[in-house]
Amino acid sequence: MGFPVISHCPVCSETLKITKLHCSKCHTSIENEFELSKLAALSGDQLHFVEVFLACRGNIKEVEKELGISYPTVRGKLNEVVSSLGYELKKKNDVDEKKVIAMLASGEITPEEAISLLKNE
């Protein structure tokens, strides 16, 4: 059994590089400098969130139920993951009011969650 890959040095916190790959069946080894994927840089909690998000096929209501958290918390965790992957987030002023109202009308979010979203909280 192997250990999970760590992406940052426990001494200086710099990003680690993989320098050796090994096949346990035929014992072939390859040495070079390999890059970790962006996902490898996520924390354990962030990876768990991504797994739940994908298992729920991106349905935020299902993610809420699975994790027992509110809509704004799901959105916050999703924004945190997107940011950690190096992507820019929409500016807070870019809230799609029509989408929030549609989500409220369909019951996807509560009135309190809609107010929070419209206030960019």
PDB file of N, CA and C in Angstrom:
ATOM      1  N   MET A   1       0.842  -1.177   0.000  1.00  0.00           N
ATOM      2  CA  MET A   1       0.000   0.000   0.000  1.00  0.00           C
ATOM      3  C   MET A   1       0.888   1.242   0.000  1.00  0.00           C
ATOM      4  N   GLY A   2       0.546   2.195  -0.853  1.00  0.00           N
ATOM      5  CA  GLY A   2       1.336   3.411  -0.934  1.00  0.00           C
ATOM      6  C   GLY A   2       0.774   4.520  -0.070  1.00  0.00           C
ATOM      7  N   PHE A   3       1.514   5.570   0.009  1.00  0.00           N
ATOM      8  CA  PHE A   3       1.109   6.759   0.754  1.00  0.00           C
ATOM      9  C   PHE A   3       0.525   7.773  -0.220  1.00  0.00           C
ATOM     10  N   PRO A   4      -0.367   8.649   0.234  1.00  0.00           N
ATOM     11  CA  PRO A   4      -0.875   9.689  -0.668  1.00  0.00           C
ATOM     12  C   PRO A   4       0.259  10.644  -1.054  1.00  0.00           C
ATOM     13  N   VAL A   5       0.180  11.143  -2.274  1.00  0.00           N
ATOM     14  CA  VAL A   5       1.200  12.068  -2.762  1.00  0.00           C
ATOM     15  C   VAL A   5       1.033  13.404  -2.057  1.00  0.00           C
ATOM     16  N   ILE A   6       2.123  13.951  -1.556  1.00  0.00           N
ATOM     17  CA  ILE A   6       2.087  15.301  -0.994  1.00  0.00           C
ATOM     18  C   ILE A   6       2.602  16.247  -2.070  1.00  0.00           C
ATOM     19  N   SER A   7       2.098  17.454  -2.085  1.00  0.00           N
ATOM     20  CA  SER A   7       2.459  18.378  -3.161  1.00  0.00           C
ATOM     21  C   SER A   7       3.370  19.511  -2.706  1.00  0.00           C
ATOM     22  N   HIS A   8       3.529  19.669  -1.384  1.00  0.00           N
ATOM     23  CA  HIS A   8       4.375  20.751  -0.870  1.00  0.00           C
ATOM     24  C   HIS A   8       5.386  20.202   0.138  1.00  0.00           C
ATOM     25  N   CYS A   9       6.562  20.764   0.117  1.00  0.00           N
ATOM     26  CA  CYS A   9       7.639  20.334   0.999  1.00  0.00           C
ATOM     27  C   CYS A   9       7.253  20.583   2.460  1.00  0.00           C
ATOM     28  N   PRO A  10       7.406  19.576   3.313  1.00  0.00           N
ATOM     29  CA  PRO A  10       7.076  19.771   4.726  1.00  0.00           C
ATOM     30  C   PRO A  10       8.066  20.673   5.454  1.00  0.00           C
ATOM     31  N   VAL A  11       9.214  20.969   4.836  1.00  0.00           N
ATOM     32  CA  VAL A  11      10.223  21.813   5.470  1.00  0.00           C
ATOM     33  C   VAL A  11      10.044  23.283   5.080  1.00  0.00           C
ATOM     34  N   CYS A  12       9.974  23.540   3.746  1.00  0.00           N
ATOM     35  CA  CYS A  12       9.942  24.937   3.298  1.00  0.00           C
ATOM     36  C   CYS A  12       8.649  25.331   2.587  1.00  0.00           C
ATOM     37  N   SER A  13       7.724  24.401   2.394  1.00  0.00           N
ATOM     38  CA  SER A  13       6.419  24.629   1.765  1.00  0.00           C
ATOM     39  C   SER A  13       6.453  24.884   0.259  1.00  0.00           C
ATOM     40  N   GLU A  14       7.604  24.721  -0.360  1.00  0.00           N
ATOM     41  CA  GLU A  14       7.673  24.872  -1.821  1.00  0.00           C
ATOM     42  C   GLU A  14       6.983  23.681  -2.491  1.00  0.00           C
ATOM     43  N   THR A  15       6.544  23.880  -3.752  1.00  0.00           N
ATOM     44  CA  THR A  15       5.908  22.806  -4.510  1.00  0.00           C
ATOM     45  C   THR A  15       6.929  21.716  -4.830  1.00  0.00           C
ATOM     46  N   LEU A  16       6.550  20.491  -4.551  1.00  0.00           N
ATOM     47  CA  LEU A  16       7.427  19.346  -4.822  1.00  0.00           C
ATOM     48  C   LEU A  16       7.298  18.902  -6.282  1.00  0.00           C
ATOM     49  N   LYS A  17       8.345  18.280  -6.795  1.00  0.00           N
ATOM     50  CA  LYS A  17       8.347  17.684  -8.131  1.00  0.00           C
ATOM     51  C   LYS A  17       8.506  16.181  -7.969  1.00  0.00           C
ATOM     52  N   ILE A  18       7.844  15.431  -8.819  1.00  0.00           N
ATOM     53  CA  ILE A  18       8.027  13.986  -8.843  1.00  0.00           C
ATOM     54  C   ILE A  18       9.224  13.716  -9.742  1.00  0.00           C
ATOM     55  N   THR A  19      10.169  12.925  -9.261  1.00  0.00           N
ATOM     56  CA  THR A  19      11.384  12.678 -10.047  1.00  0.00           C
ATOM     57  C   THR A  19      11.576  11.219 -10.432  1.00  0.00           C
ATOM     58  N   LYS A  20      10.722  10.327  -9.915  1.00  0.00           N
ATOM     59  CA  LYS A  20      10.893   8.915 -10.263  1.00  0.00           C
ATOM     60  C   LYS A  20       9.533   8.228 -10.284  1.00  0.00           C
ATOM     61  N   LEU A  21       9.309   7.439 -11.347  1.00  0.00           N
ATOM     62  CA  LEU A  21       8.117   6.609 -11.460  1.00  0.00           C
ATOM     63  C   LEU A  21       8.589   5.159 -11.514  1.00  0.00           C
ATOM     64  N   HIS A  22       7.855   4.281 -10.849  1.00  0.00           N
ATOM     65  CA  HIS A  22       8.297   2.884 -10.775  1.00  0.00           C
ATOM     66  C   HIS A  22       7.100   1.946 -10.940  1.00  0.00           C
ATOM     67  N   CYS A  23       7.260   0.914 -11.769  1.00  0.00           N
ATOM     68  CA  CYS A  23       6.231  -0.111 -11.962  1.00  0.00           C
ATOM     69  C   CYS A  23       6.495  -1.258 -10.998  1.00  0.00           C
ATOM     70  N   SER A  24       5.538  -1.543 -10.135  1.00  0.00           N
ATOM     71  CA  SER A  24       5.742  -2.612  -9.158  1.00  0.00           C
ATOM     72  C   SER A  24       5.627  -3.997  -9.776  1.00  0.00           C
ATOM     73  N   LYS A  25       5.081  -4.103 -10.986  1.00  0.00           N
ATOM     74  CA  LYS A  25       4.958  -5.414 -11.632  1.00  0.00           C
ATOM     75  C   LYS A  25       6.258  -5.812 -12.337  1.00  0.00           C
ATOM     76  N   CYS A  26       6.740  -4.955 -13.239  1.00  0.00           N
ATOM     77  CA  CYS A  26       7.935  -5.336 -14.013  1.00  0.00           C
ATOM     78  C   CYS A  26       9.203  -4.646 -13.520  1.00  0.00           C
ATOM     79  N   HIS A  27       9.060  -3.779 -12.524  1.00  0.00           N
ATOM     80  CA  HIS A  27      10.168  -3.068 -11.886  1.00  0.00           C
ATOM     81  C   HIS A  27      10.870  -2.044 -12.796  1.00  0.00           C
ATOM     82  N   THR A  28      10.169  -1.601 -13.836  1.00  0.00           N
ATOM     83  CA  THR A  28      10.706  -0.539 -14.680  1.00  0.00           C
ATOM     84  C   THR A  28      10.676   0.761 -13.883  1.00  0.00           C
ATOM     85  N   SER A  29      11.741   1.539 -13.958  1.00  0.00           N
ATOM     86  CA  SER A  29      11.804   2.844 -13.303  1.00  0.00           C
ATOM     87  C   SER A  29      12.109   3.906 -14.350  1.00  0.00           C
ATOM     88  N   ILE A  30      11.465   5.028 -14.205  1.00  0.00           N
ATOM     89  CA  ILE A  30      11.693   6.156 -15.093  1.00  0.00           C
ATOM     90  C   ILE A  30      12.027   7.351 -14.215  1.00  0.00           C
ATOM     91  N   GLU A  31      13.156   7.978 -14.492  1.00  0.00           N
ATOM     92  CA  GLU A  31      13.553   9.152 -13.719  1.00  0.00           C
ATOM     93  C   GLU A  31      13.578  10.374 -14.618  1.00  0.00           C
ATOM     94  N   ASN A  32      12.962  11.425 -14.157  1.00  0.00           N
ATOM     95  CA  ASN A  32      12.917  12.710 -14.845  1.00  0.00           C
ATOM     96  C   ASN A  32      12.230  13.684 -13.898  1.00  0.00           C
ATOM     97  N   GLU A  33      11.876  14.844 -14.371  1.00  0.00           N
ATOM     98  CA  GLU A  33      11.138  15.796 -13.548  1.00  0.00           C
ATOM     99  C   GLU A  33       9.713  15.855 -14.081  1.00  0.00           C
ATOM    100  N   PHE A  34       8.763  15.372 -13.281  1.00  0.00           N
ATOM    101  CA  PHE A  34       7.363  15.298 -13.675  1.00  0.00           C
ATOM    102  C   PHE A  34       6.552  16.326 -12.894  1.00  0.00           C
ATOM    103  N   GLU A  35       5.568  16.904 -13.557  1.00  0.00           N
ATOM    104  CA  GLU A  35       4.697  17.897 -12.926  1.00  0.00           C
ATOM    105  C   GLU A  35       3.497  17.217 -12.268  1.00  0.00           C
ATOM    106  N   LEU A  36       3.099  17.714 -11.127  1.00  0.00           N
ATOM    107  CA  LEU A  36       1.860  17.280 -10.500  1.00  0.00           C
ATOM    108  C   LEU A  36       0.695  17.979 -11.194  1.00  0.00           C
ATOM    109  N   SER A  37      -0.467  17.372 -11.196  1.00  0.00           N
ATOM    110  CA  SER A  37      -1.643  18.033 -11.761  1.00  0.00           C
ATOM    111  C   SER A  37      -2.088  19.152 -10.821  1.00  0.00           C
ATOM    112  N   LYS A  38      -2.895  20.046 -11.319  1.00  0.00           N
ATOM    113  CA  LYS A  38      -3.425  21.121 -10.479  1.00  0.00           C
ATOM    114  C   LYS A  38      -4.229  20.550  -9.314  1.00  0.00           C
ATOM    115  N   LEU A  39      -4.909  19.451  -9.550  1.00  0.00           N
ATOM    116  CA  LEU A  39      -5.722  18.847  -8.493  1.00  0.00           C
ATOM    117  C   LEU A  39      -4.874  18.352  -7.329  1.00  0.00           C
ATOM    118  N   ALA A  40      -3.630  17.986  -7.600  1.00  0.00           N
ATOM    119  CA  ALA A  40      -2.747  17.499  -6.534  1.00  0.00           C
ATOM    120  C   ALA A  40      -2.422  18.597  -5.529  1.00  0.00           C
ATOM    121  N   ALA A  41      -2.609  19.855  -5.916  1.00  0.00           N
ATOM    122  CA  ALA A  41      -2.310  20.963  -5.014  1.00  0.00           C
ATOM    123  C   ALA A  41      -3.464  21.266  -4.063  1.00  0.00           C
ATOM    124  N   LEU A  42      -4.618  20.630  -4.276  1.00  0.00           N
ATOM    125  CA  LEU A  42      -5.765  20.884  -3.405  1.00  0.00           C
ATOM    126  C   LEU A  42      -5.581  20.183  -2.060  1.00  0.00           C
ATOM    127  N   SER A  43      -6.148  20.770  -1.031  1.00  0.00           N
ATOM    128  CA  SER A  43      -6.098  20.142   0.301  1.00  0.00           C
ATOM    129  C   SER A  43      -7.014  18.927   0.316  1.00  0.00           C
ATOM    130  N   GLY A  44      -6.899  18.119   1.344  1.00  0.00           N
ATOM    131  CA  GLY A  44      -7.760  16.941   1.491  1.00  0.00           C
ATOM    132  C   GLY A  44      -9.229  17.313   1.530  1.00  0.00           C
ATOM    133  N   ASP A  45      -9.565  18.384   2.254  1.00  0.00           N
ATOM    134  CA  ASP A  45     -10.959  18.837   2.331  1.00  0.00           C
ATOM    135  C   ASP A  45     -11.460  19.305   0.973  1.00  0.00           C
ATOM    136  N   GLN A  46     -10.603  20.007   0.229  1.00  0.00           N
ATOM    137  CA  GLN A  46     -10.993  20.481  -1.098  1.00  0.00           C
ATOM    138  C   GLN A  46     -11.199  19.303  -2.050  1.00  0.00           C
ATOM    139  N   LEU A  47     -10.328  18.296  -1.982  1.00  0.00           N
ATOM    140  CA  LEU A  47     -10.491  17.114  -2.835  1.00  0.00           C
ATOM    141  C   LEU A  47     -11.784  16.378  -2.504  1.00  0.00           C
ATOM    142  N   HIS A  48     -12.096  16.260  -1.226  1.00  0.00           N
ATOM    143  CA  HIS A  48     -13.346  15.618  -0.826  1.00  0.00           C
ATOM    144  C   HIS A  48     -14.535  16.381  -1.390  1.00  0.00           C
ATOM    145  N   PHE A  49     -14.500  17.715  -1.307  1.00  0.00           N
ATOM    146  CA  PHE A  49     -15.575  18.532  -1.854  1.00  0.00           C
ATOM    147  C   PHE A  49     -15.717  18.296  -3.355  1.00  0.00           C
ATOM    148  N   VAL A  50     -14.596  18.275  -4.087  1.00  0.00           N
ATOM    149  CA  VAL A  50     -14.631  18.055  -5.538  1.00  0.00           C
ATOM    150  C   VAL A  50     -15.237  16.684  -5.848  1.00  0.00           C
ATOM    151  N   GLU A  51     -14.862  15.656  -5.089  1.00  0.00           N
ATOM    152  CA  GLU A  51     -15.421  14.322  -5.299  1.00  0.00           C
ATOM    153  C   GLU A  51     -16.934  14.317  -5.093  1.00  0.00           C
ATOM    154  N   VAL A  52     -17.399  14.954  -4.024  1.00  0.00           N
ATOM    155  CA  VAL A  52     -18.842  15.024  -3.765  1.00  0.00           C
ATOM    156  C   VAL A  52     -19.534  15.830  -4.860  1.00  0.00           C
ATOM    157  N   PHE A  53     -18.944  16.945  -5.250  1.00  0.00           N
ATOM    158  CA  PHE A  53     -19.506  17.803  -6.290  1.00  0.00           C
ATOM    159  C   PHE A  53     -19.652  17.010  -7.593  1.00  0.00           C
ATOM    160  N   LEU A  54     -18.627  16.248  -7.959  1.00  0.00           N
ATOM    161  CA  LEU A  54     -18.689  15.458  -9.191  1.00  0.00           C
ATOM    162  C   LEU A  54     -19.694  14.314  -9.071  1.00  0.00           C
ATOM    163  N   ALA A  55     -19.724  13.646  -7.921  1.00  0.00           N
ATOM    164  CA  ALA A  55     -20.676  12.554  -7.715  1.00  0.00           C
ATOM    165  C   ALA A  55     -22.113  13.058  -7.815  1.00  0.00           C
ATOM    166  N   CYS A  56     -22.319  14.311  -7.422  1.00  0.00           N
ATOM    167  CA  CYS A  56     -23.648  14.935  -7.511  1.00  0.00           C
ATOM    168  C   CYS A  56     -23.865  15.597  -8.868  1.00  0.00           C
ATOM    169  N   ARG A  57     -22.921  15.406  -9.774  1.00  0.00           N
ATOM    170  CA  ARG A  57     -22.975  15.952 -11.127  1.00  0.00           C
ATOM    171  C   ARG A  57     -23.172  17.466 -11.147  1.00  0.00           C
ATOM    172  N   GLY A  58     -22.580  18.130 -10.160  1.00  0.00           N
ATOM    173  CA  GLY A  58     -22.621  19.584 -10.112  1.00  0.00           C
ATOM    174  C   GLY A  58     -23.928  20.161  -9.596  1.00  0.00           C
ATOM    175  N   ASN A  59     -24.831  19.319  -9.147  1.00  0.00           N
ATOM    176  CA  ASN A  59     -26.106  19.795  -8.621  1.00  0.00           C
ATOM    177  C   ASN A  59     -25.880  20.308  -7.197  1.00  0.00           C
ATOM    178  N   ILE A  60     -25.917  21.615  -7.051  1.00  0.00           N
ATOM    179  CA  ILE A  60     -25.574  22.232  -5.770  1.00  0.00           C
ATOM    180  C   ILE A  60     -26.549  21.814  -4.670  1.00  0.00           C
ATOM    181  N   LYS A  61     -27.822  21.643  -5.003  1.00  0.00           N
ATOM    182  CA  LYS A  61     -28.796  21.201  -4.000  1.00  0.00           C
ATOM    183  C   LYS A  61     -28.411  19.828  -3.441  1.00  0.00           C
ATOM    184  N   GLU A  62     -27.956  18.922  -4.327  1.00  0.00           N
ATOM    185  CA  GLU A  62     -27.532  17.599  -3.871  1.00  0.00           C
ATOM    186  C   GLU A  62     -26.263  17.686  -3.035  1.00  0.00           C
ATOM    187  N   VAL A  63     -25.357  18.583  -3.402  1.00  0.00           N
ATOM    188  CA  VAL A  63     -24.120  18.769  -2.628  1.00  0.00           C
ATOM    189  C   VAL A  63     -24.477  19.276  -1.231  1.00  0.00           C
ATOM    190  N   GLU A  64     -25.433  20.219  -1.166  1.00  0.00           N
ATOM    191  CA  GLU A  64     -25.906  20.728   0.128  1.00  0.00           C
ATOM    192  C   GLU A  64     -26.360  19.576   1.021  1.00  0.00           C
ATOM    193  N   LYS A  65     -27.201  18.703   0.452  1.00  0.00           N
ATOM    194  CA  LYS A  65     -27.742  17.582   1.227  1.00  0.00           C
ATOM    195  C   LYS A  65     -26.640  16.608   1.643  1.00  0.00           C
ATOM    196  N   GLU A  66     -25.769  16.282   0.703  1.00  0.00           N
ATOM    197  CA  GLU A  66     -24.708  15.302   0.963  1.00  0.00           C
ATOM    198  C   GLU A  66     -23.765  15.772   2.066  1.00  0.00           C
ATOM    199  N   LEU A  67     -23.407  17.071   2.039  1.00  0.00           N
ATOM    200  CA  LEU A  67     -22.447  17.599   3.006  1.00  0.00           C
ATOM    201  C   LEU A  67     -23.106  18.263   4.211  1.00  0.00           C
ATOM    202  N   GLY A  68     -24.419  18.461   4.139  1.00  0.00           N
ATOM    203  CA  GLY A  68     -25.130  19.098   5.247  1.00  0.00           C
ATOM    204  C   GLY A  68     -24.746  20.556   5.437  1.00  0.00           C
ATOM    205  N   ILE A  69     -24.551  21.272   4.313  1.00  0.00           N
ATOM    206  CA  ILE A  69     -24.166  22.680   4.373  1.00  0.00           C
ATOM    207  C   ILE A  69     -25.116  23.507   3.515  1.00  0.00           C
ATOM    208  N   SER A  70     -25.112  24.811   3.690  1.00  0.00           N
ATOM    209  CA  SER A  70     -26.022  25.700   2.974  1.00  0.00           C
ATOM    210  C   SER A  70     -25.518  26.010   1.567  1.00  0.00           C
ATOM    211  N   TYR A  71     -26.421  26.541   0.759  1.00  0.00           N
ATOM    212  CA  TYR A  71     -26.082  26.928  -0.613  1.00  0.00           C
ATOM    213  C   TYR A  71     -24.899  27.902  -0.656  1.00  0.00           C
ATOM    214  N   PRO A  72     -24.931  28.987   0.139  1.00  0.00           N
ATOM    215  CA  PRO A  72     -23.785  29.904   0.099  1.00  0.00           C
ATOM    216  C   PRO A  72     -22.463  29.235   0.508  1.00  0.00           C
ATOM    217  N   THR A  73     -22.525  28.266   1.421  1.00  0.00           N
ATOM    218  CA  THR A  73     -21.313  27.560   1.831  1.00  0.00           C
ATOM    219  C   THR A  73     -20.788  26.696   0.684  1.00  0.00           C
ATOM    220  N   VAL A  74     -21.696  26.033  -0.039  1.00  0.00           N
ATOM    221  CA  VAL A  74     -21.280  25.246  -1.206  1.00  0.00           C
ATOM    222  C   VAL A  74     -20.612  26.163  -2.218  1.00  0.00           C
ATOM    223  N   ARG A  75     -21.245  27.302  -2.493  1.00  0.00           N
ATOM    224  CA  ARG A  75     -20.679  28.253  -3.456  1.00  0.00           C
ATOM    225  C   ARG A  75     -19.305  28.739  -2.984  1.00  0.00           C
ATOM    226  N   GLY A  76     -19.180  29.008  -1.706  1.00  0.00           N
ATOM    227  CA  GLY A  76     -17.904  29.464  -1.158  1.00  0.00           C
ATOM    228  C   GLY A  76     -16.817  28.413  -1.324  1.00  0.00           C
ATOM    229  N   LYS A  77     -17.165  27.147  -1.026  1.00  0.00           N
ATOM    230  CA  LYS A  77     -16.191  26.063  -1.178  1.00  0.00           C
ATOM    231  C   LYS A  77     -15.817  25.871  -2.643  1.00  0.00           C
ATOM    232  N   LEU A  78     -16.794  25.992  -3.526  1.00  0.00           N
ATOM    233  CA  LEU A  78     -16.521  25.865  -4.953  1.00  0.00           C
ATOM    234  C   LEU A  78     -15.610  26.993  -5.429  1.00  0.00           C
ATOM    235  N   ASN A  79     -15.878  28.210  -4.980  1.00  0.00           N
ATOM    236  CA  ASN A  79     -15.018  29.350  -5.336  1.00  0.00           C
ATOM    237  C   ASN A  79     -13.595  29.151  -4.815  1.00  0.00           C
ATOM    238  N   GLU A  80     -13.481  28.588  -3.629  1.00  0.00           N
ATOM    239  CA  GLU A  80     -12.161  28.328  -3.037  1.00  0.00           C
ATOM    240  C   GLU A  80     -11.371  27.327  -3.891  1.00  0.00           C
ATOM    241  N   VAL A  81     -12.057  26.270  -4.346  1.00  0.00           N
ATOM    242  CA  VAL A  81     -11.405  25.266  -5.194  1.00  0.00           C
ATOM    243  C   VAL A  81     -10.988  25.889  -6.527  1.00  0.00           C
ATOM    244  N   VAL A  82     -11.899  26.640  -7.134  1.00  0.00           N
ATOM    245  CA  VAL A  82     -11.598  27.284  -8.424  1.00  0.00           C
ATOM    246  C   VAL A  82     -10.387  28.203  -8.282  1.00  0.00           C
ATOM    247  N   SER A  83     -10.349  28.964  -7.208  1.00  0.00           N
ATOM    248  CA  SER A  83      -9.228  29.864  -6.952  1.00  0.00           C
ATOM    249  C   SER A  83      -7.930  29.082  -6.723  1.00  0.00           C
ATOM    250  N   SER A  84      -8.005  27.996  -5.964  1.00  0.00           N
ATOM    251  CA  SER A  84      -6.821  27.178  -5.685  1.00  0.00           C
ATOM    252  C   SER A  84      -6.260  26.532  -6.948  1.00  0.00           C
ATOM    253  N   LEU A  85      -7.124  26.297  -7.927  1.00  0.00           N
ATOM    254  CA  LEU A  85      -6.683  25.725  -9.191  1.00  0.00           C
ATOM    255  C   LEU A  85      -6.066  26.770 -10.114  1.00  0.00           C
ATOM    256  N   GLY A  86      -6.104  28.035  -9.670  1.00  0.00           N
ATOM    257  CA  GLY A  86      -5.451  29.096 -10.439  1.00  0.00           C
ATOM    258  C   GLY A  86      -6.346  29.829 -11.409  1.00  0.00           C
ATOM    259  N   TYR A  87      -7.654  29.635 -11.296  1.00  0.00           N
ATOM    260  CA  TYR A  87      -8.583  30.322 -12.184  1.00  0.00           C
ATOM    261  C   TYR A  87      -9.139  31.563 -11.498  1.00  0.00           C
ATOM    262  N   GLU A  88      -9.432  32.574 -12.299  1.00  0.00           N
ATOM    263  CA  GLU A  88      -9.993  33.810 -11.744  1.00  0.00           C
ATOM    264  C   GLU A  88     -11.479  33.624 -11.494  1.00  0.00           C
ATOM    265  N   LEU A  89     -11.942  34.169 -10.389  1.00  0.00           N
ATOM    266  CA  LEU A  89     -13.355  34.131 -10.059  1.00  0.00           C
ATOM    267  C   LEU A  89     -14.034  35.349 -10.648  1.00  0.00           C
ATOM    268  N   LYS A  90     -15.336  35.203 -10.913  1.00  0.00           N
ATOM    269  CA  LYS A  90     -16.102  36.361 -11.354  1.00  0.00           C
ATOM    270  C   LYS A  90     -16.068  37.410 -10.264  1.00  0.00           C
ATOM    271  N   LYS A  91     -16.081  38.651 -10.668  1.00  0.00           N
ATOM    272  CA  LYS A  91     -16.141  39.719  -9.682  1.00  0.00           C
ATOM    273  C   LYS A  91     -17.478  39.654  -8.962  1.00  0.00           C
ATOM    274  N   LYS A  92     -17.488  40.094  -7.714  1.00  0.00           N
ATOM    275  CA  LYS A  92     -18.713  40.035  -6.915  1.00  0.00           C
ATOM    276  C   LYS A  92     -19.862  40.789  -7.559  1.00  0.00           C
ATOM    277  N   ASN A  93     -19.578  41.814  -8.324  1.00  0.00           N
ATOM    278  CA  ASN A  93     -20.623  42.613  -8.950  1.00  0.00           C
ATOM    279  C   ASN A  93     -21.267  41.904 -10.141  1.00  0.00           C
ATOM    280  N   ASP A  94     -20.741  40.746 -10.538  1.00  0.00           N
ATOM    281  CA  ASP A  94     -21.232  40.042 -11.705  1.00  0.00           C
ATOM    282  C   ASP A  94     -22.334  39.033 -11.370  1.00  0.00           C
ATOM    283  N   VAL A  95     -23.062  39.217 -10.265  1.00  0.00           N
ATOM    284  CA  VAL A  95     -24.126  38.305  -9.881  1.00  0.00           C
ATOM    285  C   VAL A  95     -25.250  38.411 -10.916  1.00  0.00           C
ATOM    286  N   ASP A  96     -25.685  37.258 -11.424  1.00  0.00           N
ATOM    287  CA  ASP A  96     -26.769  37.206 -12.394  1.00  0.00           C
ATOM    288  C   ASP A  96     -28.090  37.188 -11.626  1.00  0.00           C
ATOM    289  N   GLU A  97     -28.694  38.368 -11.506  1.00  0.00           N
ATOM    290  CA  GLU A  97     -29.910  38.488 -10.700  1.00  0.00           C
ATOM    291  C   GLU A  97     -31.036  37.621 -11.236  1.00  0.00           C
ATOM    292  N   LYS A  98     -31.164  37.524 -12.551  1.00  0.00           N
ATOM    293  CA  LYS A  98     -32.221  36.700 -13.135  1.00  0.00           C
ATOM    294  C   LYS A  98     -32.038  35.230 -12.766  1.00  0.00           C
ATOM    295  N   LYS A  99     -30.783  34.778 -12.729  1.00  0.00           N
ATOM    296  CA  LYS A  99     -30.508  33.387 -12.375  1.00  0.00           C
ATOM    297  C   LYS A  99     -30.865  33.139 -10.908  1.00  0.00           C
ATOM    298  N   VAL A 100     -30.517  34.087 -10.037  1.00  0.00           N
ATOM    299  CA  VAL A 100     -30.836  33.950  -8.611  1.00  0.00           C
ATOM    300  C   VAL A 100     -32.347  33.895  -8.423  1.00  0.00           C
ATOM    301  N   ILE A 101     -33.079  34.757  -9.124  1.00  0.00           N
ATOM    302  CA  ILE A 101     -34.545  34.778  -9.011  1.00  0.00           C
ATOM    303  C   ILE A 101     -35.136  33.473  -9.539  1.00  0.00           C
ATOM    304  N   ALA A 102     -34.587  32.955 -10.641  1.00  0.00           N
ATOM    305  CA  ALA A 102     -35.068  31.686 -11.193  1.00  0.00           C
ATOM    306  C   ALA A 102     -34.810  30.542 -10.214  1.00  0.00           C
ATOM    307  N   MET A 103     -33.642  30.567  -9.567  1.00  0.00           N
ATOM    308  CA  MET A 103     -33.324  29.524  -8.596  1.00  0.00           C
ATOM    309  C   MET A 103     -34.258  29.606  -7.392  1.00  0.00           C
ATOM    310  N   LEU A 104     -34.575  30.821  -6.992  1.00  0.00           N
ATOM    311  CA  LEU A 104     -35.507  31.024  -5.878  1.00  0.00           C
ATOM    312  C   LEU A 104     -36.894  30.515  -6.262  1.00  0.00           C
ATOM    313  N   ALA A 105     -37.340  30.848  -7.467  1.00  0.00           N
ATOM    314  CA  ALA A 105     -38.657  30.433  -7.937  1.00  0.00           C
ATOM    315  C   ALA A 105     -38.776  28.915  -8.053  1.00  0.00           C
ATOM    316  N   SER A 106     -37.689  28.260  -8.435  1.00  0.00           N
ATOM    317  CA  SER A 106     -37.727  26.799  -8.593  1.00  0.00           C
ATOM    318  C   SER A 106     -37.499  26.057  -7.277  1.00  0.00           C
ATOM    319  N   GLY A 107     -37.216  26.805  -6.207  1.00  0.00           N
ATOM    320  CA  GLY A 107     -37.012  26.180  -4.906  1.00  0.00           C
ATOM    321  C   GLY A 107     -35.599  25.669  -4.675  1.00  0.00           C
ATOM    322  N   GLU A 108     -34.667  25.996  -5.581  1.00  0.00           N
ATOM    323  CA  GLU A 108     -33.282  25.538  -5.418  1.00  0.00           C
ATOM    324  C   GLU A 108     -32.605  26.224  -4.235  1.00  0.00           C
ATOM    325  N   ILE A 109     -33.009  27.458  -3.955  1.00  0.00           N
ATOM    326  CA  ILE A 109     -32.432  28.202  -2.839  1.00  0.00           C
ATOM    327  C   ILE A 109     -33.550  28.837  -2.025  1.00  0.00           C
ATOM    328  N   THR A 110     -33.235  29.150  -0.787  1.00  0.00           N
ATOM    329  CA  THR A 110     -34.207  29.787   0.094  1.00  0.00           C
ATOM    330  C   THR A 110     -34.179  31.295  -0.121  1.00  0.00           C
ATOM    331  N   PRO A 111     -35.201  32.014   0.355  1.00  0.00           N
ATOM    332  CA  PRO A 111     -35.171  33.481   0.233  1.00  0.00           C
ATOM    333  C   PRO A 111     -33.935  34.094   0.903  1.00  0.00           C
ATOM    334  N   GLU A 112     -33.526  33.529   2.046  1.00  0.00           N
ATOM    335  CA  GLU A 112     -32.342  34.038   2.737  1.00  0.00           C
ATOM    336  C   GLU A 112     -31.087  33.851   1.892  1.00  0.00           C
ATOM    337  N   GLU A 113     -30.979  32.681   1.247  1.00  0.00           N
ATOM    338  CA  GLU A 113     -29.822  32.418   0.384  1.00  0.00           C
ATOM    339  C   GLU A 113     -29.825  33.344  -0.830  1.00  0.00           C
ATOM    340  N   ALA A 114     -31.030  33.628  -1.371  1.00  0.00           N
ATOM    341  CA  ALA A 114     -31.128  34.543  -2.510  1.00  0.00           C
ATOM    342  C   ALA A 114     -30.667  35.943  -2.103  1.00  0.00           C
ATOM    343  N   ILE A 115     -31.093  36.394  -0.939  1.00  0.00           N
ATOM    344  CA  ILE A 115     -30.678  37.717  -0.451  1.00  0.00           C
ATOM    345  C   ILE A 115     -29.167  37.765  -0.282  1.00  0.00           C
ATOM    346  N   SER A 116     -28.614  36.692   0.300  1.00  0.00           N
ATOM    347  CA  SER A 116     -27.161  36.628   0.492  1.00  0.00           C
ATOM    348  C   SER A 116     -26.428  36.703  -0.840  1.00  0.00           C
ATOM    349  N   LEU A 117     -26.911  35.964  -1.826  1.00  0.00           N
ATOM    350  CA  LEU A 117     -26.274  35.992  -3.143  1.00  0.00           C
ATOM    351  C   LEU A 117     -26.372  37.367  -3.794  1.00  0.00           C
ATOM    352  N   LEU A 118     -27.533  37.982  -3.689  1.00  0.00           N
ATOM    353  CA  LEU A 118     -27.728  39.301  -4.297  1.00  0.00           C
ATOM    354  C   LEU A 118     -26.902  40.376  -3.603  1.00  0.00           C
ATOM    355  N   LYS A 119     -26.613  40.150  -2.319  1.00  0.00           N
ATOM    356  CA  LYS A 119     -25.768  41.094  -1.584  1.00  0.00           C
ATOM    357  C   LYS A 119     -24.291  40.762  -1.738  1.00  0.00           C
ATOM    358  N   ASN A 120     -24.005  39.686  -2.489  1.00  0.00           N
ATOM    359  CA  ASN A 120     -22.627  39.238  -2.721  1.00  0.00           C
ATOM    360  C   ASN A 120     -21.921  38.839  -1.433  1.00  0.00           C
ATOM    361  N   GLU A 121     -22.604  38.160  -0.566  1.00  0.00           N
ATOM    362  CA  GLU A 121     -21.999  37.737   0.706  1.00  0.00           C
ATOM    363  C   GLU A 121     -21.480  36.334   0.588  1.00  0.00           C
TER     364      GLU A 121
END
